[in-house]
PDB file of N, CA and C in Angstrom:
ATOM      1  N   MET A   1     117.249 150.321 -51.411  1.00  0.00           N
ATOM      2  CA  MET A   1     117.077 151.594 -52.056  1.00  0.00           C
ATOM      3  C   MET A   1     116.830 151.318 -53.541  1.00  0.00           C
ATOM      4  N   LYS A   2     115.781 151.892 -54.071  1.00  0.00           N
ATOM      5  CA  LYS A   2     115.449 151.687 -55.477  1.00  0.00           C
ATOM      6  C   LYS A   2     115.968 152.861 -56.297  1.00  0.00           C
ATOM      7  N   ILE A   3     116.731 152.525 -57.360  1.00  0.00           N
ATOM      8  CA  ILE A   3     117.251 153.543 -58.271  1.00  0.00           C
ATOM      9  C   ILE A   3     117.170 153.017 -59.701  1.00  0.00           C
ATOM     10  N   THR A   4     117.318 153.927 -60.656  1.00  0.00           N
ATOM     11  CA  THR A   4     117.441 153.566 -62.062  1.00  0.00           C
ATOM     12  C   THR A   4     118.785 154.067 -62.549  1.00  0.00           C
ATOM     13  N   VAL A   5     119.538 153.178 -63.193  1.00  0.00           N
ATOM     14  CA  VAL A   5     120.830 153.529 -63.777  1.00  0.00           C
ATOM     15  C   VAL A   5     120.674 153.421 -65.284  1.00  0.00           C
ATOM     16  N   GLN A   6     121.118 154.455 -66.003  1.00  0.00           N
ATOM     17  CA  GLN A   6     121.015 154.474 -67.456  1.00  0.00           C
ATOM     18  C   GLN A   6     122.404 154.559 -68.065  1.00  0.00           C
ATOM     19  N   PHE A   7     122.643 153.726 -69.079  1.00  0.00           N
ATOM     20  CA  PHE A   7     123.910 153.732 -69.798  1.00  0.00           C
ATOM     21  C   PHE A   7     123.668 154.148 -71.237  1.00  0.00           C
ATOM     22  N   GLY A   8     124.622 154.860 -71.812  1.00  0.00           N
ATOM     23  CA  GLY A   8     124.554 155.273 -73.201  1.00  0.00           C
ATOM     24  C   GLY A   8     125.950 155.405 -73.773  1.00  0.00           C
ATOM     25  N   GLY A   9     126.024 155.799 -75.024  1.00  0.00           N
ATOM     26  CA  GLY A   9     127.317 156.016 -75.661  1.00  0.00           C
ATOM     27  C   GLY A   9     128.128 154.750 -75.823  1.00  0.00           C
ATOM     28  N   GLY A  10     127.479 153.615 -75.857  1.00  0.00           N
ATOM     29  CA  GLY A  10     128.160 152.337 -76.006  1.00  0.00           C
ATOM     30  C   GLY A  10     128.375 151.601 -74.696  1.00  0.00           C
ATOM     31  N   ALA A  11     128.265 152.281 -73.566  1.00  0.00           N
ATOM     32  CA  ALA A  11     128.464 151.617 -72.270  1.00  0.00           C
ATOM     33  C   ALA A  11     127.427 150.525 -72.034  1.00  0.00           C
ATOM     34  N   GLU A  12     126.253 150.661 -72.634  1.00  0.00           N
ATOM     35  CA  GLU A  12     125.214 149.645 -72.450  1.00  0.00           C
ATOM     36  C   GLU A  12     125.651 148.283 -72.993  1.00  0.00           C
ATOM     37  N   LEU A  13     126.590 148.278 -73.935  1.00  0.00           N
ATOM     38  CA  LEU A  13     127.085 147.013 -74.484  1.00  0.00           C
ATOM     39  C   LEU A  13     127.792 146.173 -73.427  1.00  0.00           C
ATOM     40  N   LEU A  14     128.339 146.826 -72.421  1.00  0.00           N
ATOM     41  CA  LEU A  14     129.023 146.119 -71.337  1.00  0.00           C
ATOM     42  C   LEU A  14     128.040 145.524 -70.334  1.00  0.00           C
ATOM     43  N   PHE A  15     126.786 145.943 -70.436  1.00  0.00           N
ATOM     44  CA  PHE A  15     125.756 145.526 -69.483  1.00  0.00           C
ATOM     45  C   PHE A  15     124.617 144.795 -70.191  1.00  0.00           C
ATOM     46  N   GLY A  16     124.976 143.870 -71.054  1.00  0.00           N
ATOM     47  CA  GLY A  16     123.978 143.045 -71.728  1.00  0.00           C
ATOM     48  C   GLY A  16     123.141 143.794 -72.732  1.00  0.00           C
ATOM     49  N   LYS A  17     123.664 144.886 -73.279  1.00  0.00           N
ATOM     50  CA  LYS A  17     122.959 145.709 -74.272  1.00  0.00           C
ATOM     51  C   LYS A  17     121.658 146.287 -73.724  1.00  0.00           C
ATOM     52  N   VAL A  18     121.642 146.504 -72.407  1.00  0.00           N
ATOM     53  CA  VAL A  18     120.473 147.084 -71.740  1.00  0.00           C
ATOM     54  C   VAL A  18     120.838 148.490 -71.283  1.00  0.00           C
ATOM     55  N   LYS A  19     120.056 149.492 -71.727  1.00  0.00           N
ATOM     56  CA  LYS A  19     120.347 150.885 -71.374  1.00  0.00           C
ATOM     57  C   LYS A  19     119.846 151.261 -69.988  1.00  0.00           C
ATOM     58  N   ASN A  20     118.678 150.789 -69.612  1.00  0.00           N
ATOM     59  CA  ASN A  20     118.064 151.155 -68.334  1.00  0.00           C
ATOM     60  C   ASN A  20     118.028 149.955 -67.396  1.00  0.00           C
ATOM     61  N   HIS A  21     118.528 150.158 -66.198  1.00  0.00           N
ATOM     62  CA  HIS A  21     118.518 149.120 -65.174  1.00  0.00           C
ATOM     63  C   HIS A  21     117.789 149.666 -63.949  1.00  0.00           C
ATOM     64  N   ASP A  22     116.659 149.071 -63.615  1.00  0.00           N
ATOM     65  CA  ASP A  22     115.950 149.404 -62.379  1.00  0.00           C
ATOM     66  C   ASP A  22     116.512 148.497 -61.292  1.00  0.00           C
ATOM     67  N   LEU A  23     117.135 149.098 -60.293  1.00  0.00           N
ATOM     68  CA  LEU A  23     117.848 148.345 -59.267  1.00  0.00           C
ATOM     69  C   LEU A  23     117.216 148.541 -57.903  1.00  0.00           C
ATOM     70  N   ASP A  24     117.289 147.510 -57.104  1.00  0.00           N
ATOM     71  CA  ASP A  24     116.904 147.583 -55.697  1.00  0.00           C
ATOM     72  C   ASP A  24     118.155 147.226 -54.905  1.00  0.00           C
ATOM     73  N   LEU A  25     118.903 148.245 -54.510  1.00  0.00           N
ATOM     74  CA  LEU A  25     120.180 148.046 -53.837  1.00  0.00           C
ATOM     75  C   LEU A  25     119.970 147.653 -52.385  1.00  0.00           C
ATOM     76  N   PRO A  26     120.807 146.743 -51.901  1.00  0.00           N
ATOM     77  CA  PRO A  26     120.690 146.354 -50.493  1.00  0.00           C
ATOM     78  C   PRO A  26     121.050 147.515 -49.572  1.00  0.00           C
ATOM     79  N   THR A  27     120.341 147.624 -48.483  1.00  0.00           N
ATOM     80  CA  THR A  27     120.657 148.670 -47.511  1.00  0.00           C
ATOM     81  C   THR A  27     121.542 148.074 -46.432  1.00  0.00           C
ATOM     82  N   GLY A  28     122.371 148.915 -45.861  1.00  0.00           N
ATOM     83  CA  GLY A  28     123.280 148.452 -44.824  1.00  0.00           C
ATOM     84  C   GLY A  28     123.562 149.567 -43.848  1.00  0.00           C
ATOM     85  N   GLU A  29     124.608 149.389 -43.073  1.00  0.00           N
ATOM     86  CA  GLU A  29     124.964 150.397 -42.078  1.00  0.00           C
ATOM     87  C   GLU A  29     125.572 151.641 -42.714  1.00  0.00           C
ATOM     88  N   LYS A  30     126.313 151.455 -43.805  1.00  0.00           N
ATOM     89  CA  LYS A  30     126.966 152.587 -44.466  1.00  0.00           C
ATOM     90  C   LYS A  30     126.074 153.126 -45.582  1.00  0.00           C
ATOM     91  N   PRO A  31     126.070 154.438 -45.778  1.00  0.00           N
ATOM     92  CA  PRO A  31     125.305 155.000 -46.895  1.00  0.00           C
ATOM     93  C   PRO A  31     125.989 154.677 -48.226  1.00  0.00           C
ATOM     94  N   TRP A  32     125.208 154.627 -49.289  1.00  0.00           N
ATOM     95  CA  TRP A  32     125.747 154.366 -50.616  1.00  0.00           C
ATOM     96  C   TRP A  32     126.545 155.566 -51.103  1.00  0.00           C
ATOM     97  N   THR A  33     127.631 155.278 -51.812  1.00  0.00           N
ATOM     98  CA  THR A  33     128.430 156.296 -52.491  1.00  0.00           C
ATOM     99  C   THR A  33     128.490 155.926 -53.965  1.00  0.00           C
ATOM    100  N   ILE A  34     128.917 156.866 -54.795  1.00  0.00           N
ATOM    101  CA  ILE A  34     129.085 156.563 -56.221  1.00  0.00           C
ATOM    102  C   ILE A  34     130.114 155.453 -56.393  1.00  0.00           C
ATOM    103  N   LYS A  35     131.197 155.516 -55.631  1.00  0.00           N
ATOM    104  CA  LYS A  35     132.223 154.474 -55.699  1.00  0.00           C
ATOM    105  C   LYS A  35     131.625 153.109 -55.351  1.00  0.00           C
ATOM    106  N   GLY A  36     130.818 153.059 -54.311  1.00  0.00           N
ATOM    107  CA  GLY A  36     130.170 151.811 -53.923  1.00  0.00           C
ATOM    108  C   GLY A  36     129.213 151.306 -54.986  1.00  0.00           C
ATOM    109  N   LEU A  37     128.479 152.223 -55.609  1.00  0.00           N
ATOM    110  CA  LEU A  37     127.550 151.854 -56.672  1.00  0.00           C
ATOM    111  C   LEU A  37     128.300 151.284 -57.869  1.00  0.00           C
ATOM    112  N   ILE A  38     129.397 151.916 -58.256  1.00  0.00           N
ATOM    113  CA  ILE A  38     130.181 151.431 -59.394  1.00  0.00           C
ATOM    114  C   ILE A  38     130.719 150.030 -59.116  1.00  0.00           C
ATOM    115  N   GLU A  39     131.213 149.798 -57.915  1.00  0.00           N
ATOM    116  CA  GLU A  39     131.710 148.465 -57.548  1.00  0.00           C
ATOM    117  C   GLU A  39     130.572 147.445 -57.574  1.00  0.00           C
ATOM    118  N   TRP A  40     129.399 147.814 -57.063  1.00  0.00           N
ATOM    119  CA  TRP A  40     128.247 146.921 -57.069  1.00  0.00           C
ATOM    120  C   TRP A  40     127.833 146.584 -58.506  1.00  0.00           C
ATOM    121  N   LEU A  41     127.807 147.603 -59.380  1.00  0.00           N
ATOM    122  CA  LEU A  41     127.467 147.370 -60.784  1.00  0.00           C
ATOM    123  C   LEU A  41     128.465 146.422 -61.432  1.00  0.00           C
ATOM    124  N   LYS A  42     129.735 146.628 -61.139  1.00  0.00           N
ATOM    125  CA  LYS A  42     130.783 145.764 -61.694  1.00  0.00           C
ATOM    126  C   LYS A  42     130.576 144.312 -61.266  1.00  0.00           C
ATOM    127  N   LEU A  43     130.263 144.092 -60.007  1.00  0.00           N
ATOM    128  CA  LEU A  43     130.120 142.733 -59.485  1.00  0.00           C
ATOM    129  C   LEU A  43     128.792 142.074 -59.843  1.00  0.00           C
ATOM    130  N   ASN A  44     127.736 142.872 -60.038  1.00  0.00           N
ATOM    131  CA  ASN A  44     126.395 142.303 -60.174  1.00  0.00           C
ATOM    132  C   ASN A  44     125.735 142.466 -61.538  1.00  0.00           C
ATOM    133  N   LYS A  45     126.147 143.443 -62.327  1.00  0.00           N
ATOM    134  CA  LYS A  45     125.451 143.699 -63.592  1.00  0.00           C
ATOM    135  C   LYS A  45     126.349 143.654 -64.825  1.00  0.00           C
ATOM    136  N   LEU A  46     127.615 143.886 -64.664  1.00  0.00           N
ATOM    137  CA  LEU A  46     128.547 143.915 -65.790  1.00  0.00           C
ATOM    138  C   LEU A  46     128.633 142.532 -66.417  1.00  0.00           C
ATOM    139  N   THR A  47     128.454 142.453 -67.736  1.00  0.00           N
ATOM    140  CA  THR A  47     128.444 141.152 -68.396  1.00  0.00           C
ATOM    141  C   THR A  47     129.696 140.889 -69.215  1.00  0.00           C
ATOM    142  N   GLU A  48     130.447 141.923 -69.572  1.00  0.00           N
ATOM    143  CA  GLU A  48     131.659 141.692 -70.355  1.00  0.00           C
ATOM    144  C   GLU A  48     132.628 142.859 -70.254  1.00  0.00           C
ATOM    145  N   ARG A  49     133.884 142.570 -70.504  1.00  0.00           N
ATOM    146  CA  ARG A  49     134.983 143.523 -70.606  1.00  0.00           C
ATOM    147  C   ARG A  49     135.062 144.525 -69.456  1.00  0.00           C
ATOM    148  N   PRO A  50     135.258 144.044 -68.244  1.00  0.00           N
ATOM    149  CA  PRO A  50     135.318 144.952 -67.086  1.00  0.00           C
ATOM    150  C   PRO A  50     136.423 145.997 -67.186  1.00  0.00           C
ATOM    151  N   GLU A  51     137.475 145.702 -67.940  1.00  0.00           N
ATOM    152  CA  GLU A  51     138.569 146.668 -68.089  1.00  0.00           C
ATOM    153  C   GLU A  51     138.134 147.931 -68.828  1.00  0.00           C
ATOM    154  N   LEU A  52     137.029 147.862 -69.557  1.00  0.00           N
ATOM    155  CA  LEU A  52     136.512 149.052 -70.235  1.00  0.00           C
ATOM    156  C   LEU A  52     135.610 149.888 -69.333  1.00  0.00           C
ATOM    157  N   PHE A  53     135.157 149.310 -68.239  1.00  0.00           N
ATOM    158  CA  PHE A  53     134.274 150.033 -67.320  1.00  0.00           C
ATOM    159  C   PHE A  53     135.044 150.628 -66.153  1.00  0.00           C
ATOM    160  N   VAL A  54     135.944 149.852 -65.561  1.00  0.00           N
ATOM    161  CA  VAL A  54     136.708 150.301 -64.392  1.00  0.00           C
ATOM    162  C   VAL A  54     138.169 149.926 -64.577  1.00  0.00           C
ATOM    163  N   GLN A  55     139.047 150.894 -64.295  1.00  0.00           N
ATOM    164  CA  GLN A  55     140.485 150.630 -64.288  1.00  0.00           C
ATOM    165  C   GLN A  55     141.027 151.131 -62.961  1.00  0.00           C
ATOM    166  N   GLY A  56     141.301 150.220 -62.056  1.00  0.00           N
ATOM    167  CA  GLY A  56     141.737 150.619 -60.717  1.00  0.00           C
ATOM    168  C   GLY A  56     140.611 151.344 -60.007  1.00  0.00           C
ATOM    169  N   ASP A  57     140.858 152.585 -59.622  1.00  0.00           N
ATOM    170  CA  ASP A  57     139.823 153.407 -58.987  1.00  0.00           C
ATOM    171  C   ASP A  57     139.215 154.408 -59.956  1.00  0.00           C
ATOM    172  N   SER A  58     139.445 154.226 -61.265  1.00  0.00           N
ATOM    173  CA  SER A  58     138.936 155.159 -62.275  1.00  0.00           C
ATOM    174  C   SER A  58     137.859 154.498 -63.118  1.00  0.00           C
ATOM    175  N   VAL A  59     136.925 155.331 -63.560  1.00  0.00           N
ATOM    176  CA  VAL A  59     135.854 154.859 -64.434  1.00  0.00           C
ATOM    177  C   VAL A  59     136.088 155.421 -65.815  1.00  0.00           C
TER     178      VAL A  59
END
């Protein structure tokens, strides 16, 4: 699934100072959720300070 994720307000600093990310997410048996997308971003795109992006189940 192809999507574009945009960060602003300083959040882009956590993602390599890049505001726009064009992503091609893997497809699977389960549909994507916002929670799943946030976890995927954390594991695949986040470059620094994960504690500022996700705390437990909160963003």
